[in-house]
């Protein structure tokens, strides 16, 4: 894409920081990817390890057309 990509975690960043970061990226032509990976820490169970999140993303094998375009090293996150 030719632009820097900033990745931030929504839970650890917080609403205000993420909003400010989104405005900064928009104003400066940067791509912002905010995810919620902190659930791995929050959802940790003593007996189970980490509980999976069903809406955490789509694997490339679920979307064959974009995989043909972008390759196997792709990650699709849908909200």
PDB file of N, CA and C in Angstrom:
ATOM      1  N   UNK A   1       0.817  -1.190   0.000  1.00  0.00           N
ATOM      2  CA  UNK A   1       0.000   0.000   0.000  1.00  0.00           C
ATOM      3  C   UNK A   1       0.862   1.255   0.000  1.00  0.00           C
ATOM      4  N   UNK A   2       2.079   1.134   0.444  1.00  0.00           N
ATOM      5  CA  UNK A   2       2.976   2.274   0.383  1.00  0.00           C
ATOM      6  C   UNK A   2       2.857   3.280   1.507  1.00  0.00           C
ATOM      7  N   UNK A   3       2.113   2.936   2.558  1.00  0.00           N
ATOM      8  CA  UNK A   3       2.004   3.843   3.704  1.00  0.00           C
ATOM      9  C   UNK A   3       2.367   3.082   4.976  1.00  0.00           C
ATOM     10  N   UNK A   4       2.887   3.780   5.975  1.00  0.00           N
ATOM     11  CA  UNK A   4       3.154   3.119   7.258  1.00  0.00           C
ATOM     12  C   UNK A   4       1.855   2.652   7.909  1.00  0.00           C
ATOM     13  N   UNK A   5       1.927   1.532   8.600  1.00  0.00           N
ATOM     14  CA  UNK A   5       0.771   0.987   9.306  1.00  0.00           C
ATOM     15  C   UNK A   5       1.069   1.007  10.798  1.00  0.00           C
ATOM     16  N   UNK A   6       0.163   1.581  11.568  1.00  0.00           N
ATOM     17  CA  UNK A   6       0.277   1.606  13.021  1.00  0.00           C
ATOM     18  C   UNK A   6      -0.713   0.595  13.577  1.00  0.00           C
ATOM     19  N   UNK A   7      -0.241  -0.292  14.453  1.00  0.00           N
ATOM     20  CA  UNK A   7      -1.099  -1.292  15.079  1.00  0.00           C
ATOM     21  C   UNK A   7      -1.183  -0.980  16.567  1.00  0.00           C
ATOM     22  N   UNK A   8      -2.408  -0.982  17.092  1.00  0.00           N
ATOM     23  CA  UNK A   8      -2.626  -0.671  18.498  1.00  0.00           C
ATOM     24  C   UNK A   8      -3.645  -1.646  19.061  1.00  0.00           C
ATOM     25  N   UNK A   9      -3.563  -1.895  20.348  1.00  0.00           N
ATOM     26  CA  UNK A   9      -4.525  -2.759  21.022  1.00  0.00           C
ATOM     27  C   UNK A   9      -5.592  -1.885  21.676  1.00  0.00           C
ATOM     28  N   UNK A  10      -6.854  -2.158  21.386  1.00  0.00           N
ATOM     29  CA  UNK A  10      -7.937  -1.298  21.851  1.00  0.00           C
ATOM     30  C   UNK A  10      -8.048  -1.278  23.371  1.00  0.00           C
ATOM     31  N   UNK A  11      -7.954  -2.444  23.990  1.00  0.00           N
ATOM     32  CA  UNK A  11      -8.182  -2.517  25.436  1.00  0.00           C
ATOM     33  C   UNK A  11      -7.051  -1.849  26.204  1.00  0.00           C
ATOM     34  N   UNK A  12      -5.813  -2.132  25.825  1.00  0.00           N
ATOM     35  CA  UNK A  12      -4.706  -1.527  26.564  1.00  0.00           C
ATOM     36  C   UNK A  12      -4.541  -0.054  26.235  1.00  0.00           C
ATOM     37  N   UNK A  13      -4.922   0.358  25.035  1.00  0.00           N
ATOM     38  CA  UNK A  13      -4.813   1.772  24.655  1.00  0.00           C
ATOM     39  C   UNK A  13      -5.895   2.627  25.277  1.00  0.00           C
ATOM     40  N   UNK A  14      -7.101   2.109  25.336  1.00  0.00           N
ATOM     41  CA  UNK A  14      -8.212   2.863  25.888  1.00  0.00           C
ATOM     42  C   UNK A  14      -8.892   3.731  24.839  1.00  0.00           C
ATOM     43  N   UNK A  15     -10.117   4.142  25.134  1.00  0.00           N
ATOM     44  CA  UNK A  15     -10.937   4.882  24.173  1.00  0.00           C
ATOM     45  C   UNK A  15     -10.308   6.210  23.767  1.00  0.00           C
ATOM     46  N   UNK A  16      -9.874   7.004  24.731  1.00  0.00           N
ATOM     47  CA  UNK A  16      -9.348   8.332  24.424  1.00  0.00           C
ATOM     48  C   UNK A  16      -8.071   8.251  23.603  1.00  0.00           C
ATOM     49  N   UNK A  17      -7.157   7.376  23.999  1.00  0.00           N
ATOM     50  CA  UNK A  17      -5.903   7.237  23.254  1.00  0.00           C
ATOM     51  C   UNK A  17      -6.154   6.735  21.839  1.00  0.00           C
ATOM     52  N   UNK A  18      -7.057   5.779  21.682  1.00  0.00           N
ATOM     53  CA  UNK A  18      -7.346   5.254  20.352  1.00  0.00           C
ATOM     54  C   UNK A  18      -8.033   6.291  19.477  1.00  0.00           C
ATOM     55  N   UNK A  19      -8.901   7.104  20.061  1.00  0.00           N
ATOM     56  CA  UNK A  19      -9.549   8.167  19.298  1.00  0.00           C
ATOM     57  C   UNK A  19      -8.528   9.196  18.837  1.00  0.00           C
ATOM     58  N   UNK A  20      -7.642   9.594  19.734  1.00  0.00           N
ATOM     59  CA  UNK A  20      -6.593  10.553  19.365  1.00  0.00           C
ATOM     60  C   UNK A  20      -5.677   9.972  18.292  1.00  0.00           C
ATOM     61  N   UNK A  21      -5.329   8.696  18.436  1.00  0.00           N
ATOM     62  CA  UNK A  21      -4.472   8.040  17.456  1.00  0.00           C
ATOM     63  C   UNK A  21      -5.166   7.951  16.097  1.00  0.00           C
ATOM     64  N   UNK A  22      -6.460   7.666  16.100  1.00  0.00           N
ATOM     65  CA  UNK A  22      -7.215   7.600  14.846  1.00  0.00           C
ATOM     66  C   UNK A  22      -7.227   8.954  14.144  1.00  0.00           C
ATOM     67  N   UNK A  23      -7.423  10.022  14.899  1.00  0.00           N
ATOM     68  CA  UNK A  23      -7.411  11.370  14.306  1.00  0.00           C
ATOM     69  C   UNK A  23      -6.032  11.696  13.746  1.00  0.00           C
ATOM     70  N   UNK A  24      -4.979  11.353  14.498  1.00  0.00           N
ATOM     71  CA  UNK A  24      -3.609  11.616  14.048  1.00  0.00           C
ATOM     72  C   UNK A  24      -3.314  10.868  12.744  1.00  0.00           C
ATOM     73  N   UNK A  25      -3.689   9.590  12.695  1.00  0.00           N
ATOM     74  CA  UNK A  25      -3.431   8.793  11.496  1.00  0.00           C
ATOM     75  C   UNK A  25      -4.208   9.328  10.300  1.00  0.00           C
ATOM     76  N   UNK A  26      -5.450   9.704  10.518  1.00  0.00           N
ATOM     77  CA  UNK A  26      -6.254  10.249   9.426  1.00  0.00           C
ATOM     78  C   UNK A  26      -5.651  11.542   8.897  1.00  0.00           C
ATOM     79  N   UNK A  27      -5.220  12.410   9.794  1.00  0.00           N
ATOM     80  CA  UNK A  27      -4.667  13.704   9.394  1.00  0.00           C
ATOM     81  C   UNK A  27      -3.309  13.584   8.715  1.00  0.00           C
ATOM     82  N   UNK A  28      -2.574  12.497   8.981  1.00  0.00           N
ATOM     83  CA  UNK A  28      -1.221  12.349   8.452  1.00  0.00           C
ATOM     84  C   UNK A  28      -1.080  11.231   7.418  1.00  0.00           C
ATOM     85  N   UNK A  29      -2.199  10.698   6.942  1.00  0.00           N
ATOM     86  CA  UNK A  29      -2.165   9.695   5.881  1.00  0.00           C
ATOM     87  C   UNK A  29      -1.580   8.357   6.284  1.00  0.00           C
ATOM     88  N   UNK A  30      -1.776   7.964   7.537  1.00  0.00           N
ATOM     89  CA  UNK A  30      -1.274   6.681   8.027  1.00  0.00           C
ATOM     90  C   UNK A  30      -2.423   5.686   8.122  1.00  0.00           C
ATOM     91  N   UNK A  31      -2.105   4.413   7.985  1.00  0.00           N
ATOM     92  CA  UNK A  31      -3.103   3.359   8.132  1.00  0.00           C
ATOM     93  C   UNK A  31      -3.085   2.875   9.577  1.00  0.00           C
ATOM     94  N   UNK A  32      -4.247   2.811  10.204  1.00  0.00           N
ATOM     95  CA  UNK A  32      -4.355   2.393  11.600  1.00  0.00           C
ATOM     96  C   UNK A  32      -5.100   1.071  11.686  1.00  0.00           C
ATOM     97  N   UNK A  33      -4.500   0.114  12.377  1.00  0.00           N
ATOM     98  CA  UNK A  33      -5.140  -1.178  12.622  1.00  0.00           C
ATOM     99  C   UNK A  33      -5.252  -1.338  14.136  1.00  0.00           C
ATOM    100  N   UNK A  34      -6.473  -1.345  14.634  1.00  0.00           N
ATOM    101  CA  UNK A  34      -6.691  -1.523  16.072  1.00  0.00           C
ATOM    102  C   UNK A  34      -7.296  -2.910  16.281  1.00  0.00           C
ATOM    103  N   UNK A  35      -6.687  -3.676  17.156  1.00  0.00           N
ATOM    104  CA  UNK A  35      -7.201  -5.011  17.447  1.00  0.00           C
ATOM    105  C   UNK A  35      -7.449  -5.130  18.946  1.00  0.00           C
ATOM    106  N   UNK A  36      -7.931  -6.274  19.354  1.00  0.00           N
ATOM    107  CA  UNK A  36      -8.278  -6.487  20.756  1.00  0.00           C
ATOM    108  C   UNK A  36      -7.580  -7.730  21.292  1.00  0.00           C
ATOM    109  N   UNK A  37      -6.304  -7.862  21.032  1.00  0.00           N
ATOM    110  CA  UNK A  37      -5.553  -9.059  21.417  1.00  0.00           C
ATOM    111  C   UNK A  37      -5.423  -9.213  22.924  1.00  0.00           C
ATOM    112  N   UNK A  38      -5.657  -8.163  23.673  1.00  0.00           N
ATOM    113  CA  UNK A  38      -5.534  -8.240  25.124  1.00  0.00           C
ATOM    114  C   UNK A  38      -6.521  -9.242  25.720  1.00  0.00           C
ATOM    115  N   UNK A  39      -7.511  -9.694  24.927  1.00  0.00           N
ATOM    116  CA  UNK A  39      -8.463 -10.677  25.454  1.00  0.00           C
ATOM    117  C   UNK A  39      -7.740 -11.937  25.908  1.00  0.00           C
ATOM    118  N   UNK A  40      -6.572 -12.230  25.339  1.00  0.00           N
ATOM    119  CA  UNK A  40      -5.811 -13.404  25.755  1.00  0.00           C
ATOM    120  C   UNK A  40      -5.406 -13.344  27.221  1.00  0.00           C
ATOM    121  N   UNK A  41      -5.178 -12.157  27.726  1.00  0.00           N
ATOM    122  CA  UNK A  41      -4.845 -11.978  29.140  1.00  0.00           C
ATOM    123  C   UNK A  41      -6.110 -11.918  29.985  1.00  0.00           C
ATOM    124  N   UNK A  42      -7.099 -11.179  29.518  1.00  0.00           N
ATOM    125  CA  UNK A  42      -8.321 -10.984  30.302  1.00  0.00           C
ATOM    126  C   UNK A  42      -9.130 -12.274  30.409  1.00  0.00           C
ATOM    127  N   UNK A  43      -9.186 -13.062  29.328  1.00  0.00           N
ATOM    128  CA  UNK A  43     -10.007 -14.270  29.303  1.00  0.00           C
ATOM    129  C   UNK A  43      -9.294 -15.503  29.852  1.00  0.00           C
ATOM    130  N   UNK A  44      -8.128 -15.333  30.443  1.00  0.00           N
ATOM    131  CA  UNK A  44      -7.367 -16.488  30.923  1.00  0.00           C
ATOM    132  C   UNK A  44      -8.119 -17.167  32.079  1.00  0.00           C
ATOM    133  N   UNK A  45      -8.278 -18.465  31.963  1.00  0.00           N
ATOM    134  CA  UNK A  45      -8.950 -19.257  32.984  1.00  0.00           C
ATOM    135  C   UNK A  45      -7.928 -20.161  33.676  1.00  0.00           C
ATOM    136  N   UNK A  46      -8.082 -20.344  34.960  1.00  0.00           N
ATOM    137  CA  UNK A  46      -7.130 -21.148  35.721  1.00  0.00           C
ATOM    138  C   UNK A  46      -7.040 -22.581  35.189  1.00  0.00           C
ATOM    139  N   UNK A  47      -8.173 -23.166  34.807  1.00  0.00           N
ATOM    140  CA  UNK A  47      -8.193 -24.566  34.390  1.00  0.00           C
ATOM    141  C   UNK A  47      -8.152 -24.769  32.877  1.00  0.00           C
ATOM    142  N   UNK A  48      -8.382 -23.733  32.097  1.00  0.00           N
ATOM    143  CA  UNK A  48      -8.549 -23.901  30.654  1.00  0.00           C
ATOM    144  C   UNK A  48      -7.471 -23.232  29.815  1.00  0.00           C
ATOM    145  N   UNK A  49      -6.593 -22.445  30.388  1.00  0.00           N
ATOM    146  CA  UNK A  49      -5.676 -21.666  29.560  1.00  0.00           C
ATOM    147  C   UNK A  49      -6.382 -20.400  29.107  1.00  0.00           C
ATOM    148  N   UNK A  50      -6.454 -20.179  27.815  1.00  0.00           N
ATOM    149  CA  UNK A  50      -7.096 -18.977  27.269  1.00  0.00           C
ATOM    150  C   UNK A  50      -8.331 -19.389  26.494  1.00  0.00           C
ATOM    151  N   UNK A  51      -9.449 -18.715  26.739  1.00  0.00           N
ATOM    152  CA  UNK A  51     -10.676 -18.992  26.001  1.00  0.00           C
ATOM    153  C   UNK A  51     -10.598 -18.347  24.619  1.00  0.00           C
ATOM    154  N   UNK A  52     -10.977 -19.059  23.562  1.00  0.00           N
ATOM    155  CA  UNK A  52     -10.942 -18.470  22.227  1.00  0.00           C
ATOM    156  C   UNK A  52     -12.085 -17.477  22.032  1.00  0.00           C
ATOM    157  N   UNK A  53     -11.887 -16.540  21.145  1.00  0.00           N
ATOM    158  CA  UNK A  53     -12.922 -15.568  20.794  1.00  0.00           C
ATOM    159  C   UNK A  53     -13.414 -15.921  19.403  1.00  0.00           C
ATOM    160  N   UNK A  54     -14.709 -16.210  19.271  1.00  0.00           N
ATOM    161  CA  UNK A  54     -15.257 -16.692  18.005  1.00  0.00           C
ATOM    162  C   UNK A  54     -15.156 -15.654  16.894  1.00  0.00           C
ATOM    163  N   UNK A  55     -15.244 -14.372  17.224  1.00  0.00           N
ATOM    164  CA  UNK A  55     -15.237 -13.340  16.185  1.00  0.00           C
ATOM    165  C   UNK A  55     -13.854 -12.742  15.983  1.00  0.00           C
ATOM    166  N   UNK A  56     -12.813 -13.472  16.329  1.00  0.00           N
ATOM    167  CA  UNK A  56     -11.458 -12.933  16.284  1.00  0.00           C
ATOM    168  C   UNK A  56     -10.872 -12.757  14.907  1.00  0.00           C
ATOM    169  N   UNK A  57     -11.519 -13.210  13.872  1.00  0.00           N
ATOM    170  CA  UNK A  57     -10.980 -13.023  12.531  1.00  0.00           C
ATOM    171  C   UNK A  57     -11.310 -14.191  11.635  1.00  0.00           C
ATOM    172  N   UNK A  58     -10.899 -14.088  10.410  1.00  0.00           N
ATOM    173  CA  UNK A  58     -11.144 -15.117   9.409  1.00  0.00           C
ATOM    174  C   UNK A  58      -9.799 -15.626   8.930  1.00  0.00           C
ATOM    175  N   UNK A  59      -9.679 -16.924   8.803  1.00  0.00           N
ATOM    176  CA  UNK A  59      -8.450 -17.502   8.280  1.00  0.00           C
ATOM    177  C   UNK A  59      -8.462 -17.434   6.757  1.00  0.00           C
ATOM    178  N   UNK A  60      -7.286 -17.402   6.162  1.00  0.00           N
ATOM    179  CA  UNK A  60      -7.204 -17.220   4.714  1.00  0.00           C
ATOM    180  C   UNK A  60      -7.892 -18.333   3.940  1.00  0.00           C
ATOM    181  N   UNK A  61      -7.932 -19.538   4.479  1.00  0.00           N
ATOM    182  CA  UNK A  61      -8.581 -20.617   3.741  1.00  0.00           C
ATOM    183  C   UNK A  61     -10.095 -20.438   3.643  1.00  0.00           C
ATOM    184  N   UNK A  62     -10.674 -19.534   4.437  1.00  0.00           N
ATOM    185  CA  UNK A  62     -12.106 -19.256   4.360  1.00  0.00           C
ATOM    186  C   UNK A  62     -12.444 -18.290   3.232  1.00  0.00           C
ATOM    187  N   UNK A  63     -11.442 -17.615   2.689  1.00  0.00           N
ATOM    188  CA  UNK A  63     -11.670 -16.613   1.643  1.00  0.00           C
ATOM    189  C   UNK A  63     -10.694 -16.871   0.494  1.00  0.00           C
ATOM    190  N   UNK A  64     -11.013 -17.802  -0.407  1.00  0.00           N
ATOM    191  CA  UNK A  64     -10.044 -18.174  -1.444  1.00  0.00           C
ATOM    192  C   UNK A  64      -9.703 -17.058  -2.426  1.00  0.00           C
ATOM    193  N   UNK A  65     -10.648 -16.195  -2.795  1.00  0.00           N
ATOM    194  CA  UNK A  65     -10.348 -15.150  -3.780  1.00  0.00           C
ATOM    195  C   UNK A  65      -9.307 -14.155  -3.287  1.00  0.00           C
ATOM    196  N   UNK A  66      -9.457 -13.565  -2.079  1.00  0.00           N
ATOM    197  CA  UNK A  66      -8.400 -12.663  -1.606  1.00  0.00           C
ATOM    198  C   UNK A  66      -7.061 -13.368  -1.412  1.00  0.00           C
ATOM    199  N   UNK A  67      -7.099 -14.665  -1.083  1.00  0.00           N
ATOM    200  CA  UNK A  67      -5.855 -15.407  -0.912  1.00  0.00           C
ATOM    201  C   UNK A  67      -5.102 -15.495  -2.236  1.00  0.00           C
ATOM    202  N   UNK A  68      -5.838 -15.638  -3.343  1.00  0.00           N
ATOM    203  CA  UNK A  68      -5.193 -15.668  -4.656  1.00  0.00           C
ATOM    204  C   UNK A  68      -4.523 -14.330  -4.955  1.00  0.00           C
ATOM    205  N   UNK A  69      -5.120 -13.243  -4.488  1.00  0.00           N
ATOM    206  CA  UNK A  69      -4.579 -11.905  -4.752  1.00  0.00           C
ATOM    207  C   UNK A  69      -3.433 -11.578  -3.807  1.00  0.00           C
ATOM    208  N   UNK A  70      -3.644 -11.783  -2.488  1.00  0.00           N
ATOM    209  CA  UNK A  70      -2.688 -11.334  -1.481  1.00  0.00           C
ATOM    210  C   UNK A  70      -1.746 -12.426  -0.986  1.00  0.00           C
ATOM    211  N   UNK A  71      -2.042 -13.678  -1.279  1.00  0.00           N
ATOM    212  CA  UNK A  71      -1.181 -14.772  -0.841  1.00  0.00           C
ATOM    213  C   UNK A  71      -1.621 -15.353   0.492  1.00  0.00           C
ATOM    214  N   UNK A  72      -0.933 -16.424   0.904  1.00  0.00           N
ATOM    215  CA  UNK A  72      -1.289 -17.125   2.136  1.00  0.00           C
ATOM    216  C   UNK A  72      -0.932 -16.348   3.392  1.00  0.00           C
ATOM    217  N   UNK A  73      -0.055 -15.383   3.280  1.00  0.00           N
ATOM    218  CA  UNK A  73       0.368 -14.605   4.443  1.00  0.00           C
ATOM    219  C   UNK A  73      -0.558 -13.405   4.621  1.00  0.00           C
ATOM    220  N   UNK A  74      -1.855 -13.671   4.777  1.00  0.00           N
ATOM    221  CA  UNK A  74      -2.859 -12.618   4.888  1.00  0.00           C
ATOM    222  C   UNK A  74      -3.654 -12.808   6.166  1.00  0.00           C
ATOM    223  N   UNK A  75      -4.178 -11.727   6.696  1.00  0.00           N
ATOM    224  CA  UNK A  75      -5.001 -11.767   7.902  1.00  0.00           C
ATOM    225  C   UNK A  75      -6.198 -10.871   7.673  1.00  0.00           C
ATOM    226  N   UNK A  76      -7.393 -11.420   7.807  1.00  0.00           N
ATOM    227  CA  UNK A  76      -8.613 -10.658   7.579  1.00  0.00           C
ATOM    228  C   UNK A  76      -9.358 -10.538   8.893  1.00  0.00           C
ATOM    229  N   UNK A  77      -9.564  -9.340   9.370  1.00  0.00           N
ATOM    230  CA  UNK A  77     -10.322  -9.100  10.592  1.00  0.00           C
ATOM    231  C   UNK A  77     -11.570  -8.327  10.234  1.00  0.00           C
ATOM    232  N   UNK A  78     -12.712  -8.881  10.574  1.00  0.00           N
ATOM    233  CA  UNK A  78     -13.987  -8.239  10.277  1.00  0.00           C
ATOM    234  C   UNK A  78     -14.656  -7.852  11.578  1.00  0.00           C
ATOM    235  N   UNK A  79     -15.277  -6.710  11.572  1.00  0.00           N
ATOM    236  CA  UNK A  79     -15.979  -6.236  12.766  1.00  0.00           C
ATOM    237  C   UNK A  79     -17.455  -6.364  12.529  1.00  0.00           C
TER     238      UNK A  79
END
